[in-house]
Amino acid sequence: MKLTRDGHLLTELVATNGAKWNPNSGFAVWSNSIFVMDSNGLLLHILTTDGAPKLDVDLAPQLGQGNRRAPALAVSPRPELLVLDAPEARVLRYRITF
């Protein structure tokens, strides 16, 4: 949610197209983009900070096909999106180019 200094709601991210976002499981912010995983743990949603959908990326080829817990996300200073795949003890790196 985006709030004014006095607590009035400006913007709220609402899932569209049947997506089920769980920002409690983690999200990352870079520039004017928000990265959040779908509740199935395989689909990455990228939105603008105003809540407009920008891109959906299927990470199943890298993370596996079954439903799983959503991995943690982070952004490096390079800029790269880091997907922290704890079950496989690895970090997947994706260059941010937009």
C-alpha atoms as a PDB file:
ATOM      1  CA  MET A   1       0.000   0.000   0.000  1.00  0.00           C
ATOM      2  CA  LYS A   2       1.085   3.550  -0.628  1.00  0.00           C
ATOM      3  CA  LEU A   3      -0.022   6.048   2.036  1.00  0.00           C
ATOM      4  CA  THR A   4       0.243   9.794   2.533  1.00  0.00           C
ATOM      5  CA  ARG A   5       2.181  11.087   5.539  1.00  0.00           C
ATOM      6  CA  ASP A   6      -1.079  11.473   7.446  1.00  0.00           C
ATOM      7  CA  GLY A   7      -2.166   7.891   6.715  1.00  0.00           C
ATOM      8  CA  HIS A   8      -4.581   8.248   3.787  1.00  0.00           C
ATOM      9  CA  LEU A   9      -4.500   5.428   1.237  1.00  0.00           C
ATOM     10  CA  LEU A  10      -3.150   6.442  -2.192  1.00  0.00           C
ATOM     11  CA  THR A  11      -2.536   3.116  -3.923  1.00  0.00           C
ATOM     12  CA  GLU A  12      -2.986  -0.545  -3.074  1.00  0.00           C
ATOM     13  CA  LEU A  13      -1.595  -3.431  -5.123  1.00  0.00           C
ATOM     14  CA  VAL A  14      -4.396  -5.791  -6.070  1.00  0.00           C
ATOM     15  CA  ALA A  15      -3.801  -9.079  -7.851  1.00  0.00           C
ATOM     16  CA  THR A  16      -5.289  -9.339 -11.345  1.00  0.00           C
ATOM     17  CA  ASN A  17      -5.697 -12.130 -13.884  1.00  0.00           C
ATOM     18  CA  GLY A  18      -6.153 -14.745 -11.157  1.00  0.00           C
ATOM     19  CA  ALA A  19      -2.731 -14.081  -9.628  1.00  0.00           C
ATOM     20  CA  LYS A  20      -2.377 -14.676  -5.903  1.00  0.00           C
ATOM     21  CA  TRP A  21       0.345 -12.472  -4.483  1.00  0.00           C
ATOM     22  CA  ASN A  22       1.636 -12.889  -1.019  1.00  0.00           C
ATOM     23  CA  PRO A  23       3.749  -9.836  -0.168  1.00  0.00           C
ATOM     24  CA  ASN A  24       4.266 -11.325   3.319  1.00  0.00           C
ATOM     25  CA  SER A  25       6.491 -13.995   1.784  1.00  0.00           C
ATOM     26  CA  GLY A  26       8.753 -11.301   0.402  1.00  0.00           C
ATOM     27  CA  PHE A  27       9.103  -8.739  -2.288  1.00  0.00           C
ATOM     28  CA  ALA A  28      11.824  -6.511  -3.700  1.00  0.00           C
ATOM     29  CA  VAL A  29      11.784  -2.939  -4.987  1.00  0.00           C
ATOM     30  CA  TRP A  30      14.083  -1.408  -7.590  1.00  0.00           C
ATOM     31  CA  SER A  31      13.683   2.002  -9.201  1.00  0.00           C
ATOM     32  CA  ASN A  32       9.965   2.203 -10.057  1.00  0.00           C
ATOM     33  CA  SER A  33       9.393  -1.566 -10.057  1.00  0.00           C
ATOM     34  CA  ILE A  34       8.112  -4.012  -7.449  1.00  0.00           C
ATOM     35  CA  PHE A  35       8.965  -7.716  -7.719  1.00  0.00           C
ATOM     36  CA  VAL A  36       6.695 -10.210  -5.946  1.00  0.00           C
ATOM     37  CA  MET A  37       6.275 -13.983  -6.252  1.00  0.00           C
ATOM     38  CA  ASP A  38       2.929 -15.670  -6.865  1.00  0.00           C
ATOM     39  CA  SER A  39       1.657 -17.878  -4.047  1.00  0.00           C
ATOM     40  CA  ASN A  40       2.584 -20.980  -6.105  1.00  0.00           C
ATOM     41  CA  GLY A  41       6.259 -19.995  -5.727  1.00  0.00           C
ATOM     42  CA  LEU A  42       6.951 -20.207  -9.460  1.00  0.00           C
ATOM     43  CA  LEU A  43       5.574 -17.069 -11.130  1.00  0.00           C
ATOM     44  CA  LEU A  44       7.298 -13.708 -10.690  1.00  0.00           C
ATOM     45  CA  HIS A  45       5.117 -10.602 -11.030  1.00  0.00           C
ATOM     46  CA  ILE A  46       6.695  -7.250 -11.833  1.00  0.00           C
ATOM     47  CA  LEU A  47       4.619  -4.120 -11.239  1.00  0.00           C
ATOM     48  CA  THR A  48       5.152  -0.391 -11.256  1.00  0.00           C
ATOM     49  CA  THR A  49       5.099   1.395  -7.910  1.00  0.00           C
ATOM     50  CA  ASP A  50       1.645   2.664  -8.934  1.00  0.00           C
ATOM     51  CA  GLY A  51       0.402  -0.939  -9.059  1.00  0.00           C
ATOM     52  CA  ALA A  52       0.208  -1.353 -12.848  1.00  0.00           C
ATOM     53  CA  PRO A  53       1.276  -4.818 -14.084  1.00  0.00           C
ATOM     54  CA  LYS A  54       4.523  -4.669 -16.043  1.00  0.00           C
ATOM     55  CA  LEU A  55       5.539  -8.279 -16.654  1.00  0.00           C
ATOM     56  CA  ASP A  56       4.927 -11.843 -15.457  1.00  0.00           C
ATOM     57  CA  VAL A  57       7.827 -14.305 -15.649  1.00  0.00           C
ATOM     58  CA  ASP A  58       7.483 -18.076 -15.219  1.00  0.00           C
ATOM     59  CA  LEU A  59      10.463 -19.326 -13.211  1.00  0.00           C
ATOM     60  CA  ALA A  60       9.312 -22.972 -13.231  1.00  0.00           C
ATOM     61  CA  PRO A  61      12.098 -24.018 -15.661  1.00  0.00           C
ATOM     62  CA  GLN A  62      14.670 -22.891 -13.092  1.00  0.00           C
ATOM     63  CA  LEU A  63      12.795 -23.660  -9.850  1.00  0.00           C
ATOM     64  CA  GLY A  64      10.980 -26.891 -10.751  1.00  0.00           C
ATOM     65  CA  GLN A  65       7.435 -27.750 -11.727  1.00  0.00           C
ATOM     66  CA  GLY A  66       5.642 -28.474  -8.444  1.00  0.00           C
ATOM     67  CA  ASN A  67       4.037 -25.903  -6.171  1.00  0.00           C
ATOM     68  CA  ARG A  68       6.487 -24.668  -3.601  1.00  0.00           C
ATOM     69  CA  ARG A  69       6.932 -21.996  -1.002  1.00  0.00           C
ATOM     70  CA  ALA A  70       7.658 -18.629  -2.628  1.00  0.00           C
ATOM     71  CA  PRO A  71      11.401 -17.894  -2.575  1.00  0.00           C
ATOM     72  CA  ALA A  72      12.760 -14.737  -1.001  1.00  0.00           C
ATOM     73  CA  LEU A  73      13.702 -11.902  -3.358  1.00  0.00           C
ATOM     74  CA  ALA A  74      16.368  -9.208  -3.189  1.00  0.00           C
ATOM     75  CA  VAL A  75      17.915  -6.658  -5.534  1.00  0.00           C
ATOM     76  CA  SER A  76      21.680  -6.168  -5.747  1.00  0.00           C
ATOM     77  CA  PRO A  77      23.351  -2.821  -6.492  1.00  0.00           C
ATOM     78  CA  ARG A  78      24.440  -4.121  -9.952  1.00  0.00           C
ATOM     79  CA  PRO A  79      21.205  -4.165 -10.674  1.00  0.00           C
ATOM     80  CA  GLU A  80      20.226  -7.824 -10.472  1.00  0.00           C
ATOM     81  CA  LEU A  81      17.154  -9.534  -9.090  1.00  0.00           C
ATOM     82  CA  LEU A  82      18.261 -12.280  -6.708  1.00  0.00           C
ATOM     83  CA  VAL A  83      15.929 -15.235  -6.161  1.00  0.00           C
ATOM     84  CA  LEU A  84      17.005 -17.067  -3.009  1.00  0.00           C
ATOM     85  CA  ASP A  85      16.231 -20.733  -3.682  1.00  0.00           C
ATOM     86  CA  ALA A  86      16.743 -22.164  -0.175  1.00  0.00           C
ATOM     87  CA  PRO A  87      15.652 -25.787  -0.898  1.00  0.00           C
ATOM     88  CA  GLU A  88      18.401 -26.094  -3.535  1.00  0.00           C
ATOM     89  CA  ALA A  89      20.902 -23.910  -1.594  1.00  0.00           C
ATOM     90  CA  ARG A  90      21.447 -21.532  -4.518  1.00  0.00           C
ATOM     91  CA  VAL A  91      20.856 -17.975  -5.646  1.00  0.00           C
ATOM     92  CA  LEU A  92      19.422 -17.316  -9.104  1.00  0.00           C
ATOM     93  CA  ARG A  93      20.511 -13.993 -10.618  1.00  0.00           C
ATOM     94  CA  TYR A  94      18.555 -12.080 -13.238  1.00  0.00           C
ATOM     95  CA  ARG A  95      19.873  -8.838 -14.768  1.00  0.00           C
ATOM     96  CA  ILE A  96      17.303  -6.022 -14.619  1.00  0.00           C
ATOM     97  CA  THR A  97      17.317  -4.244 -17.982  1.00  0.00           C
ATOM     98  CA  PHE A  98      14.241  -2.031 -18.018  1.00  0.00           C
END
